[in-house]
Amino acid sequence: MSQPKEIKKIPIEEVMEYFRSEGMEVTQEEAELIMEFLYNLTWMVIKKNFTPNQD
């Protein structure tokens, strides 16, 4: 039986530093919203493409 998988969370400070290095300033709240969106998108892709069909 497979165990539930978990996506490793990236620290918000690291996200903010990445955007800063690309020339964009984001607030902590903006970085949190961006990462929430990306985590949700990642889960949708994983579920759609890697979950066996229950037909």
PDB file of N, CA and C in Angstrom:
ATOM      1  N   MET A   1       0.845  -1.166   0.000  1.00  0.00           N
ATOM      2  CA  MET A   1       0.000   0.000   0.000  1.00  0.00           C
ATOM      3  C   MET A   1       0.899   1.239   0.000  1.00  0.00           C
ATOM      4  N   SER A   2       0.553   2.221  -0.840  1.00  0.00           N
ATOM      5  CA  SER A   2       1.398   3.406  -0.925  1.00  0.00           C
ATOM      6  C   SER A   2       1.045   4.404   0.170  1.00  0.00           C
ATOM      7  N   GLN A   3       2.059   5.096   0.616  1.00  0.00           N
ATOM      8  CA  GLN A   3       1.866   6.105   1.650  1.00  0.00           C
ATOM      9  C   GLN A   3       1.581   7.446   0.985  1.00  0.00           C
ATOM     10  N   PRO A   4       0.819   8.300   1.663  1.00  0.00           N
ATOM     11  CA  PRO A   4       0.557   9.614   1.083  1.00  0.00           C
ATOM     12  C   PRO A   4       1.865  10.384   0.878  1.00  0.00           C
ATOM     13  N   LYS A   5       1.969  11.053  -0.240  1.00  0.00           N
ATOM     14  CA  LYS A   5       3.177  11.827  -0.538  1.00  0.00           C
ATOM     15  C   LYS A   5       2.993  13.250  -0.043  1.00  0.00           C
ATOM     16  N   GLU A   6       4.104  13.889   0.217  1.00  0.00           N
ATOM     17  CA  GLU A   6       4.067  15.259   0.692  1.00  0.00           C
ATOM     18  C   GLU A   6       5.052  16.084  -0.129  1.00  0.00           C
ATOM     19  N   ILE A   7       4.640  17.287  -0.474  1.00  0.00           N
ATOM     20  CA  ILE A   7       5.511  18.193  -1.203  1.00  0.00           C
ATOM     21  C   ILE A   7       6.310  18.995  -0.185  1.00  0.00           C
ATOM     22  N   LYS A   8       7.620  19.019  -0.368  1.00  0.00           N
ATOM     23  CA  LYS A   8       8.481  19.768   0.542  1.00  0.00           C
ATOM     24  C   LYS A   8       8.171  21.253   0.406  1.00  0.00           C
ATOM     25  N   LYS A   9       7.942  21.906   1.530  1.00  0.00           N
ATOM     26  CA  LYS A   9       7.645  23.340   1.537  1.00  0.00           C
ATOM     27  C   LYS A   9       8.949  24.135   1.488  1.00  0.00           C
ATOM     28  N   ILE A  10       8.972  25.133   0.615  1.00  0.00           N
ATOM     29  CA  ILE A  10      10.134  26.014   0.492  1.00  0.00           C
ATOM     30  C   ILE A  10       9.933  27.177   1.463  1.00  0.00           C
ATOM     31  N   PRO A  11      10.944  27.505   2.248  1.00  0.00           N
ATOM     32  CA  PRO A  11      10.796  28.631   3.188  1.00  0.00           C
ATOM     33  C   PRO A  11      10.455  29.927   2.442  1.00  0.00           C
ATOM     34  N   ILE A  12       9.528  30.705   3.009  1.00  0.00           N
ATOM     35  CA  ILE A  12       9.073  31.942   2.377  1.00  0.00           C
ATOM     36  C   ILE A  12      10.237  32.910   2.167  1.00  0.00           C
ATOM     37  N   GLU A  13      11.165  32.939   3.096  1.00  0.00           N
ATOM     38  CA  GLU A  13      12.321  33.830   2.944  1.00  0.00           C
ATOM     39  C   GLU A  13      13.117  33.461   1.687  1.00  0.00           C
ATOM     40  N   GLU A  14      13.225  32.175   1.407  1.00  0.00           N
ATOM     41  CA  GLU A  14      13.939  31.708   0.219  1.00  0.00           C
ATOM     42  C   GLU A  14      13.183  32.124  -1.053  1.00  0.00           C
ATOM     43  N   VAL A  15      11.867  32.049  -1.009  1.00  0.00           N
ATOM     44  CA  VAL A  15      11.037  32.467  -2.147  1.00  0.00           C
ATOM     45  C   VAL A  15      11.238  33.965  -2.395  1.00  0.00           C
ATOM     46  N   MET A  16      11.183  34.747  -1.328  1.00  0.00           N
ATOM     47  CA  MET A  16      11.354  36.194  -1.456  1.00  0.00           C
ATOM     48  C   MET A  16      12.740  36.528  -2.008  1.00  0.00           C
ATOM     49  N   GLU A  17      13.757  35.819  -1.565  1.00  0.00           N
ATOM     50  CA  GLU A  17      15.123  36.043  -2.048  1.00  0.00           C
ATOM     51  C   GLU A  17      15.234  35.677  -3.529  1.00  0.00           C
ATOM     52  N   TYR A  18      14.567  34.605  -3.937  1.00  0.00           N
ATOM     53  CA  TYR A  18      14.593  34.223  -5.359  1.00  0.00           C
ATOM     54  C   TYR A  18      14.016  35.348  -6.212  1.00  0.00           C
ATOM     55  N   PHE A  19      12.844  35.851  -5.829  1.00  0.00           N
ATOM     56  CA  PHE A  19      12.226  36.928  -6.602  1.00  0.00           C
ATOM     57  C   PHE A  19      13.106  38.177  -6.591  1.00  0.00           C
ATOM     58  N   ARG A  20      13.705  38.478  -5.441  1.00  0.00           N
ATOM     59  CA  ARG A  20      14.598  39.634  -5.341  1.00  0.00           C
ATOM     60  C   ARG A  20      15.774  39.478  -6.298  1.00  0.00           C
ATOM     61  N   SER A  21      16.328  38.270  -6.395  1.00  0.00           N
ATOM     62  CA  SER A  21      17.472  38.037  -7.295  1.00  0.00           C
ATOM     63  C   SER A  21      17.077  38.160  -8.763  1.00  0.00           C
ATOM     64  N   GLU A  22      15.772  38.012  -9.045  1.00  0.00           N
ATOM     65  CA  GLU A  22      15.261  38.173 -10.412  1.00  0.00           C
ATOM     66  C   GLU A  22      14.767  39.594 -10.668  1.00  0.00           C
ATOM     67  N   GLY A  23      14.970  40.494  -9.688  1.00  0.00           N
ATOM     68  CA  GLY A  23      14.620  41.895  -9.860  1.00  0.00           C
ATOM     69  C   GLY A  23      13.202  42.250  -9.473  1.00  0.00           C
ATOM     70  N   MET A  24      12.546  41.388  -8.713  1.00  0.00           N
ATOM     71  CA  MET A  24      11.169  41.653  -8.281  1.00  0.00           C
ATOM     72  C   MET A  24      11.107  41.652  -6.763  1.00  0.00           C
ATOM     73  N   GLU A  25      10.533  42.690  -6.211  1.00  0.00           N
ATOM     74  CA  GLU A  25      10.319  42.747  -4.766  1.00  0.00           C
ATOM     75  C   GLU A  25       8.909  42.240  -4.467  1.00  0.00           C
ATOM     76  N   VAL A  26       8.788  41.252  -3.618  1.00  0.00           N
ATOM     77  CA  VAL A  26       7.482  40.758  -3.189  1.00  0.00           C
ATOM     78  C   VAL A  26       7.435  40.783  -1.665  1.00  0.00           C
ATOM     79  N   THR A  27       6.250  41.044  -1.151  1.00  0.00           N
ATOM     80  CA  THR A  27       6.075  41.029   0.298  1.00  0.00           C
ATOM     81  C   THR A  27       5.952  39.582   0.753  1.00  0.00           C
ATOM     82  N   GLN A  28       6.007  39.385   2.064  1.00  0.00           N
ATOM     83  CA  GLN A  28       5.842  38.044   2.603  1.00  0.00           C
ATOM     84  C   GLN A  28       4.459  37.502   2.240  1.00  0.00           C
ATOM     85  N   GLU A  29       3.441  38.334   2.334  1.00  0.00           N
ATOM     86  CA  GLU A  29       2.083  37.905   1.999  1.00  0.00           C
ATOM     87  C   GLU A  29       1.983  37.501   0.524  1.00  0.00           C
ATOM     88  N   GLU A  30       2.598  38.275  -0.353  1.00  0.00           N
ATOM     89  CA  GLU A  30       2.580  37.940  -1.786  1.00  0.00           C
ATOM     90  C   GLU A  30       3.311  36.626  -2.049  1.00  0.00           C
ATOM     91  N   ALA A  31       4.447  36.443  -1.398  1.00  0.00           N
ATOM     92  CA  ALA A  31       5.216  35.204  -1.573  1.00  0.00           C
ATOM     93  C   ALA A  31       4.410  34.004  -1.082  1.00  0.00           C
ATOM     94  N   GLU A  32       3.704  34.157   0.026  1.00  0.00           N
ATOM     95  CA  GLU A  32       2.872  33.072   0.547  1.00  0.00           C
ATOM     96  C   GLU A  32       1.745  32.725  -0.430  1.00  0.00           C
ATOM     97  N   LEU A  33       1.116  33.745  -1.017  1.00  0.00           N
ATOM     98  CA  LEU A  33       0.045  33.507  -1.990  1.00  0.00           C
ATOM     99  C   LEU A  33       0.573  32.825  -3.253  1.00  0.00           C
ATOM    100  N   ILE A  34       1.735  33.269  -3.713  1.00  0.00           N
ATOM    101  CA  ILE A  34       2.353  32.652  -4.890  1.00  0.00           C
ATOM    102  C   ILE A  34       2.619  31.178  -4.623  1.00  0.00           C
ATOM    103  N   MET A  35       3.208  30.885  -3.461  1.00  0.00           N
ATOM    104  CA  MET A  35       3.548  29.495  -3.155  1.00  0.00           C
ATOM    105  C   MET A  35       2.309  28.650  -2.936  1.00  0.00           C
ATOM    106  N   GLU A  36       1.274  29.195  -2.324  1.00  0.00           N
ATOM    107  CA  GLU A  36       0.026  28.454  -2.155  1.00  0.00           C
ATOM    108  C   GLU A  36      -0.543  28.066  -3.522  1.00  0.00           C
ATOM    109  N   PHE A  37      -0.534  29.014  -4.448  1.00  0.00           N
ATOM    110  CA  PHE A  37      -1.000  28.732  -5.805  1.00  0.00           C
ATOM    111  C   PHE A  37      -0.159  27.632  -6.456  1.00  0.00           C
ATOM    112  N   LEU A  38       1.149  27.739  -6.353  1.00  0.00           N
ATOM    113  CA  LEU A  38       2.020  26.748  -6.987  1.00  0.00           C
ATOM    114  C   LEU A  38       1.872  25.361  -6.366  1.00  0.00           C
ATOM    115  N   TYR A  39       1.718  25.282  -5.042  1.00  0.00           N
ATOM    116  CA  TYR A  39       1.502  23.984  -4.401  1.00  0.00           C
ATOM    117  C   TYR A  39       0.187  23.372  -4.868  1.00  0.00           C
ATOM    118  N   ASN A  40      -0.874  24.191  -4.948  1.00  0.00           N
ATOM    119  CA  ASN A  40      -2.171  23.687  -5.425  1.00  0.00           C
ATOM    120  C   ASN A  40      -2.082  23.218  -6.869  1.00  0.00           C
ATOM    121  N   LEU A  41      -1.414  23.978  -7.701  1.00  0.00           N
ATOM    122  CA  LEU A  41      -1.238  23.599  -9.098  1.00  0.00           C
ATOM    123  C   LEU A  41      -0.455  22.290  -9.210  1.00  0.00           C
ATOM    124  N   THR A  42       0.577  22.173  -8.425  1.00  0.00           N
ATOM    125  CA  THR A  42       1.384  20.943  -8.424  1.00  0.00           C
ATOM    126  C   THR A  42       0.540  19.731  -8.052  1.00  0.00           C
ATOM    127  N   TRP A  43      -0.284  19.851  -6.999  1.00  0.00           N
ATOM    128  CA  TRP A  43      -1.134  18.738  -6.589  1.00  0.00           C
ATOM    129  C   TRP A  43      -2.138  18.363  -7.673  1.00  0.00           C
ATOM    130  N   MET A  44      -2.696  19.378  -8.348  1.00  0.00           N
ATOM    131  CA  MET A  44      -3.655  19.086  -9.423  1.00  0.00           C
ATOM    132  C   MET A  44      -2.987  18.300 -10.550  1.00  0.00           C
ATOM    133  N   VAL A  45      -1.784  18.696 -10.917  1.00  0.00           N
ATOM    134  CA  VAL A  45      -1.054  18.002 -11.982  1.00  0.00           C
ATOM    135  C   VAL A  45      -0.724  16.579 -11.557  1.00  0.00           C
ATOM    136  N   ILE A  46      -0.271  16.414 -10.329  1.00  0.00           N
ATOM    137  CA  ILE A  46       0.071  15.079  -9.833  1.00  0.00           C
ATOM    138  C   ILE A  46      -1.164  14.189  -9.820  1.00  0.00           C
ATOM    139  N   LYS A  47      -2.270  14.696  -9.281  1.00  0.00           N
ATOM    140  CA  LYS A  47      -3.494  13.891  -9.214  1.00  0.00           C
ATOM    141  C   LYS A  47      -3.985  13.511 -10.603  1.00  0.00           C
ATOM    142  N   LYS A  48      -3.958  14.461 -11.533  1.00  0.00           N
ATOM    143  CA  LYS A  48      -4.465  14.202 -12.877  1.00  0.00           C
ATOM    144  C   LYS A  48      -3.592  13.201 -13.631  1.00  0.00           C
ATOM    145  N   ASN A  49      -2.292  13.313 -13.488  1.00  0.00           N
ATOM    146  CA  ASN A  49      -1.382  12.517 -14.306  1.00  0.00           C
ATOM    147  C   ASN A  49      -0.804  11.277 -13.635  1.00  0.00           C
ATOM    148  N   PHE A  50      -0.867  11.187 -12.319  1.00  0.00           N
ATOM    149  CA  PHE A  50      -0.212  10.079 -11.643  1.00  0.00           C
ATOM    150  C   PHE A  50      -1.126   9.272 -10.729  1.00  0.00           C
ATOM    151  N   THR A  51      -2.424   9.567 -10.728  1.00  0.00           N
ATOM    152  CA  THR A  51      -3.370   8.805  -9.938  1.00  0.00           C
ATOM    153  C   THR A  51      -4.052   7.792 -10.846  1.00  0.00           C
ATOM    154  N   PRO A  52      -4.058   6.518 -10.461  1.00  0.00           N
ATOM    155  CA  PRO A  52      -4.708   5.518 -11.305  1.00  0.00           C
ATOM    156  C   PRO A  52      -6.202   5.834 -11.488  1.00  0.00           C
ATOM    157  N   ASN A  53      -6.698   5.580 -12.670  1.00  0.00           N
ATOM    158  CA  ASN A  53      -8.131   5.777 -12.943  1.00  0.00           C
ATOM    159  C   ASN A  53      -8.937   4.776 -12.157  1.00  0.00           C
ATOM    160  N   GLN A  54     -10.092   5.216 -11.676  1.00  0.00           N
ATOM    161  CA  GLN A  54     -10.989   4.351 -10.905  1.00  0.00           C
ATOM    162  C   GLN A  54     -12.165   3.906 -11.770  1.00  0.00           C
ATOM    163  N   ASP A  55     -11.946   3.673 -13.058  1.00  0.00           N
ATOM    164  CA  ASP A  55     -13.012   3.284 -13.979  1.00  0.00           C
ATOM    165  C   ASP A  55     -13.530   1.899 -13.678  1.00  0.00           C
TER     166      ASP A  55
END
